[in-house]
Protein backbone atom coordinates (compact mmCIF):
# COMPACT_ATOMS: atom_id res chain seq x y z
CA UNK A 1 88.26 40.02 -8.58
CA UNK A 2 87.57 39.05 -5.12
CA UNK A 3 83.42 40.02 -5.97
CA UNK A 4 84.15 37.17 -8.36
CA UNK A 5 85.55 34.53 -6.13
CA UNK A 6 83.17 35.51 -2.87
CA UNK A 7 80.11 35.25 -5.87
CA UNK A 8 81.98 31.47 -6.65
CA UNK A 9 82.03 30.21 -2.75
CA UNK A 10 78.66 31.40 -3.05
CA UNK A 11 77.85 29.27 -5.94
CA UNK A 12 79.52 26.17 -4.43
CA UNK A 13 77.52 26.88 -1.13
CA UNK A 14 74.15 26.96 -2.18
CA UNK A 15 74.73 24.07 -4.17
CA UNK A 16 76.69 21.51 -1.08
CA UNK A 17 73.19 22.87 1.07
CA UNK A 18 70.65 21.65 -1.94
CA UNK A 19 72.52 18.56 -1.32
CA UNK A 20 72.49 18.46 1.77
CA UNK A 21 69.16 19.40 0.82
CA UNK A 22 67.90 16.69 -0.71
CA UNK A 23 69.82 13.56 0.81
CA UNK A 24 71.29 11.03 1.47
CA UNK A 25 75.28 12.13 1.86
CA UNK A 26 74.42 14.26 4.19
CA UNK A 27 77.62 14.26 6.39
CA UNK A 28 75.96 12.44 9.93
CA UNK A 29 73.65 9.66 7.59
CA UNK A 30 75.65 8.68 3.75
CA UNK A 31 73.22 5.50 3.98
CA UNK A 32 69.86 3.85 5.03
CA UNK A 33 66.71 2.21 2.85
CA UNK A 34 64.51 3.09 0.03
CA UNK A 35 61.12 1.31 0.00
CA UNK A 36 59.49 0.96 -3.71
CA UNK A 37 55.82 0.06 -4.83
CA UNK A 38 55.62 0.41 -8.49
CA UNK A 39 53.08 -0.38 -11.87
CA UNK A 40 55.25 -3.78 -13.97
CA UNK A 41 54.06 -3.77 -17.50
CA UNK A 42 56.50 -5.52 -20.47
CA UNK A 43 56.19 -8.97 -21.85
CA UNK A 44 58.63 -12.35 -22.46
CA UNK A 45 59.71 -12.52 -25.82
CA UNK A 46 62.82 -13.74 -28.42
CA UNK A 47 65.05 -11.66 -29.46
CA UNK A 48 65.71 -11.00 -32.44
CA UNK A 49 62.47 -12.25 -33.76
CA UNK A 50 62.72 -15.34 -35.75
CA UNK A 51 61.46 -15.75 -38.85
CA UNK A 52 59.50 -18.81 -38.21
CA UNK A 53 57.04 -15.50 -36.26
CA UNK A 54 55.44 -13.61 -39.21
CA UNK A 55 53.22 -11.53 -37.40
CA UNK A 56 52.74 -10.52 -34.10
CA UNK A 57 48.61 -9.86 -33.86
CA UNK A 58 47.88 -8.76 -30.54
CA UNK A 59 50.06 -7.83 -27.61
CA UNK A 60 48.50 -6.91 -24.39
CA UNK A 61 50.65 -6.63 -21.28
CA UNK A 62 48.62 -8.26 -18.55
CA UNK A 63 49.74 -5.50 -15.75
CA UNK A 64 52.06 -6.58 -12.92
CA UNK A 65 53.57 -4.82 -8.99
CA UNK A 66 56.91 -4.51 -7.87
CA UNK A 67 56.63 -4.16 -4.20
CA UNK A 68 60.40 -4.00 -2.74
CA UNK A 69 63.15 -2.39 -1.15
CA UNK A 70 66.99 -1.16 -1.43
CA UNK A 71 69.64 -0.81 1.09
CA UNK A 72 71.61 2.11 -0.46
CA UNK A 73 75.10 3.87 0.88
CA UNK A 74 76.54 6.40 -0.24
CA UNK A 75 80.76 6.81 -0.50
CA UNK A 76 80.78 9.95 -1.58
CA UNK A 77 79.07 12.80 -2.42
CA UNK A 78 77.82 11.04 -6.86
CA UNK A 79 78.60 7.64 -6.36
CA UNK A 80 77.13 5.19 -4.30
CA UNK A 81 76.27 1.47 -4.28
CA UNK A 82 72.32 -0.44 -3.33
CA UNK A 83 71.04 -3.88 -2.79
CA UNK A 84 67.80 -5.18 -2.69
CA UNK A 85 65.08 -7.67 -2.80
CA UNK A 86 61.92 -6.51 -4.36
CA UNK A 87 58.94 -9.10 -5.34
CA UNK A 88 57.14 -8.93 -8.52
CA UNK A 89 53.78 -10.14 -10.48
CA UNK A 90 54.00 -9.89 -14.25
CA UNK A 91 52.66 -10.97 -17.17
CA UNK A 92 51.57 -10.06 -20.92
CA UNK A 93 48.84 -12.33 -23.25
CA UNK A 94 50.12 -12.83 -27.26
CA UNK A 95 48.85 -13.47 -30.49
CA UNK A 96 51.27 -14.27 -33.59
CA UNK A 97 50.69 -15.98 -37.09
CA UNK A 98 53.60 -18.47 -37.66
CA UNK A 99 55.63 -20.74 -39.77
CA UNK A 100 57.01 -23.78 -39.02
CA UNK A 101 56.98 -23.20 -36.03
CA UNK A 102 58.21 -25.54 -33.28
CA UNK A 103 55.75 -26.54 -31.22
CA UNK A 104 54.41 -29.87 -28.00
CA UNK A 105 50.51 -29.80 -28.25
CA UNK A 106 48.40 -31.70 -27.27
CA UNK A 107 45.06 -32.17 -29.33
CA UNK A 108 42.72 -34.50 -28.41
CA UNK A 109 44.25 -35.75 -25.86
CA UNK A 110 46.68 -37.02 -27.80
CA UNK A 111 50.23 -35.71 -27.27
CA UNK A 112 51.89 -34.27 -30.56
CA UNK A 113 55.61 -32.40 -31.73
CA UNK A 114 56.50 -30.92 -34.86
CA UNK A 115 56.93 -27.82 -36.93
CA UNK A 116 53.31 -25.05 -36.37
CA UNK A 117 51.78 -23.00 -38.56
CA UNK A 118 48.92 -21.15 -37.99
CA UNK A 119 47.98 -18.84 -35.07
CA UNK A 120 49.27 -19.33 -31.62
CA UNK A 121 48.08 -17.85 -28.13
CA UNK A 122 50.53 -17.51 -24.84
CA UNK A 123 49.96 -16.49 -22.20
CA UNK A 124 53.22 -16.04 -19.23
CA UNK A 125 52.74 -14.71 -16.09
CA UNK A 126 55.71 -15.40 -13.75
CA UNK A 127 55.43 -14.26 -9.53
CA UNK A 128 58.84 -13.69 -8.05
CA UNK A 129 61.63 -11.87 -6.06
CA UNK A 130 64.73 -9.93 -8.09
CA UNK A 131 67.77 -9.15 -6.26
CA UNK A 132 69.54 -6.20 -7.86
CA UNK A 133 73.44 -5.02 -6.87
CA UNK A 134 73.70 -1.26 -8.59
CA UNK A 135 76.48 1.47 -8.12
CA UNK A 136 74.25 5.04 -7.84
CA UNK A 137 75.65 8.55 -9.35
CA UNK A 138 74.47 11.41 -8.85
CA UNK A 139 73.28 13.51 -11.61
CA UNK A 140 71.82 16.76 -9.53
CA UNK A 141 70.81 17.45 -6.22
CA UNK A 142 67.10 15.61 -6.88
CA UNK A 143 68.41 12.66 -10.32
CA UNK A 144 70.02 9.36 -8.96
CA UNK A 145 70.48 6.72 -11.91
CA UNK A 146 70.88 2.89 -10.08
CA UNK A 147 72.45 0.02 -13.14
CA UNK A 148 73.75 -2.93 -12.50
CA UNK A 149 73.26 -6.78 -12.72
CA UNK A 150 70.54 -8.60 -10.85
CA UNK A 151 68.96 -12.35 -10.14
CA UNK A 152 65.09 -13.30 -10.27
CA UNK A 153 64.04 -16.27 -8.25
CA UNK A 154 60.56 -17.44 -9.53
CA UNK A 155 58.46 -18.92 -7.72
CA UNK A 156 55.78 -19.33 -9.37
CA UNK A 157 55.13 -19.36 -12.97
CA UNK A 158 52.84 -20.31 -15.74
CA UNK A 159 54.02 -20.42 -20.05
CA UNK A 160 50.73 -21.91 -22.11
CA UNK A 161 48.30 -21.52 -25.21
CA UNK A 162 46.47 -22.52 -27.76
CA UNK A 163 46.43 -23.04 -31.87
CA UNK A 164 44.63 -22.77 -34.54
CA UNK A 165 43.66 -21.89 -38.09
CA UNK A 166 46.33 -24.41 -38.89
CA UNK A 167 48.19 -26.63 -38.47
CA UNK A 168 51.24 -29.65 -37.13
CA UNK A 169 53.35 -31.40 -39.33
CA UNK A 170 54.29 -34.13 -37.07
CA UNK A 171 58.20 -34.68 -36.32
CA UNK A 172 59.60 -32.30 -39.04
CA UNK A 173 58.34 -30.04 -42.09
CA UNK A 174 58.25 -32.83 -43.27
CA UNK A 175 55.61 -35.20 -41.18
CA UNK A 176 51.61 -35.87 -40.85
CA UNK A 177 49.58 -33.33 -41.19
CA UNK A 178 47.39 -32.58 -38.64
CA UNK A 179 44.77 -29.67 -39.11
CA UNK A 180 43.79 -27.55 -36.38
CA UNK A 181 40.59 -25.10 -36.30
CA UNK A 182 39.34 -22.20 -33.83
CA UNK A 183 36.60 -24.14 -32.79
CA UNK A 184 38.91 -27.24 -31.72
CA UNK A 185 42.65 -26.14 -31.07
CA UNK A 186 45.17 -27.30 -29.46
CA UNK A 187 47.02 -26.89 -26.12
CA UNK A 188 50.50 -26.39 -24.56
CA UNK A 189 51.71 -25.70 -21.60
CA UNK A 190 55.86 -24.77 -20.64
CA UNK A 191 55.10 -23.79 -17.11
CA UNK A 192 57.29 -27.13 -15.60
CA UNK A 193 60.11 -26.75 -18.52
CA UNK A 194 60.78 -23.30 -17.24
CA UNK A 195 63.11 -22.67 -14.60
CA UNK A 196 63.67 -20.70 -11.31
CA UNK A 197 65.80 -18.64 -12.33
CA UNK A 198 67.11 -15.95 -14.61
CA UNK A 199 70.00 -13.39 -14.57
CA UNK A 200 70.17 -9.81 -16.88
CA UNK A 201 70.46 -5.98 -15.92
CA UNK A 202 68.64 -3.33 -14.24
CA UNK A 203 68.81 0.12 -15.14
CA UNK A 204 66.84 2.35 -12.35
CA UNK A 205 65.80 6.49 -12.50
CA UNK A 206 64.71 8.46 -8.84
CA UNK A 207 63.42 11.48 -8.83
CA UNK A 208 63.66 12.55 -5.87
CA UNK A 209 60.87 14.87 -5.23
CA UNK A 210 59.84 15.48 -1.26
CA UNK A 211 62.75 15.51 0.80
CA UNK A 212 62.24 12.20 2.02
CA UNK A 213 59.66 10.91 -1.38
CA UNK A 214 60.61 9.26 -4.58
CA UNK A 215 59.34 9.19 -7.88
CA UNK A 216 61.37 6.39 -9.92
CA UNK A 217 61.30 4.32 -12.49
CA UNK A 218 63.89 1.80 -15.25
CA UNK A 219 63.87 -1.85 -16.68
CA UNK A 220 64.88 -5.28 -15.53
CA UNK A 221 66.66 -7.17 -19.46
CA UNK A 222 66.72 -10.02 -18.77
CA UNK A 223 70.92 -11.23 -20.18
CA UNK A 224 69.28 -15.24 -19.21
CA UNK A 225 66.16 -17.27 -20.99
CA UNK A 226 63.45 -18.84 -19.40
CA UNK A 227 64.14 -21.65 -20.51
CA UNK A 228 66.39 -24.82 -19.94
CA UNK A 229 69.17 -24.71 -23.65
CA UNK A 230 68.07 -28.56 -23.63
CA UNK A 231 64.29 -27.90 -23.85
CA UNK A 232 64.18 -28.73 -27.61
CA UNK A 233 60.06 -27.57 -28.04
CA UNK A 234 61.38 -24.12 -27.86
CA UNK A 235 64.39 -23.69 -30.39
CA UNK A 236 64.65 -19.55 -29.31
CA UNK A 237 65.65 -18.07 -25.61
CA UNK A 238 62.30 -16.08 -23.96
CA UNK A 239 63.73 -12.63 -22.67
CA UNK A 240 61.63 -11.84 -19.95
CA UNK A 241 61.53 -7.29 -20.26
CA UNK A 242 59.95 -5.55 -18.02
CA UNK A 243 59.67 -1.53 -17.37
CA UNK A 244 58.62 -0.69 -14.03
CA UNK A 245 57.44 3.23 -12.70
CA UNK A 246 56.61 3.55 -9.22
CA UNK A 247 56.71 5.46 -5.93
CA UNK A 248 59.32 4.89 -3.26
CA UNK A 249 59.97 6.75 0.54
CA UNK A 250 63.52 7.14 1.06
CA UNK A 251 64.26 6.66 4.89
C-alpha cells in the first residue's frame, strides 16, 4: 500500500515537473506574450456554394503571411485567456463556370448589370489586422488549444476580375443579350463595395517544440461577409476562411 502511494506521488510530481518545465503556469509567471509569424492559405467563398456556380475550374491561393502577438494569462494549470493583434495579408485566385450569375460589369467603357452565364475569374487580396479574444485550454504540458471570436479590420482590399466565354442578360434573365469573348472580356471591380471589417471564430493549436518556441496552426473562419447586406450585385455572402501555420516565440 505504501509503495503504491509513493509511486502515485512520484508520478504526480513528475507530471507537475513537466508542466513547470514547459510553462507558462509556473507559480511565479502565469502571464506573458507570444510573438507569432506564419504562412496563410485559403480563400473568400460563399457557403454553401450557390446553384449559379456550376463548376470551379481553378482555385489558386495566392498565399499570405501573418505577423502578430498574443498576450496571455493562465488562471490555472489548464485554463487561460489570450488577447491578440495579428497583421495579415491574404489572397486567392479562382475561376468558375456560372449560369444566371448576378453581375455588375464594365464592357467597352459601359457599365452593365444583369445575369451572366459563362466563365468568371476572380482575384481577391486583403491586408489588415485581426484581434482575437480566445479561451485557452492546456491539454498537456506541451499542447494548448485556443478558441474564441475575432474581429478583422481591413486597411486595403480588392475584389476584381473578368468574365468571358459567355453572355450577360441585362436587368434580368430575359433582358438584352450582351456577349463576351476571351479576346474581349468584360471586367468588374467591387473593391470599394467591401466592408472595412468582419468577424468570425478562431481555432488555434500550439505545440511547444522548445522551452520558448512554439509551432502553431489553426483557422480563422469568418461568420460575416465582406459585402454589406444591401449590396445587390453580389446576392450571397462571401466569407473569408483562412488556415495558418507558423512559429512562435513565447516570453
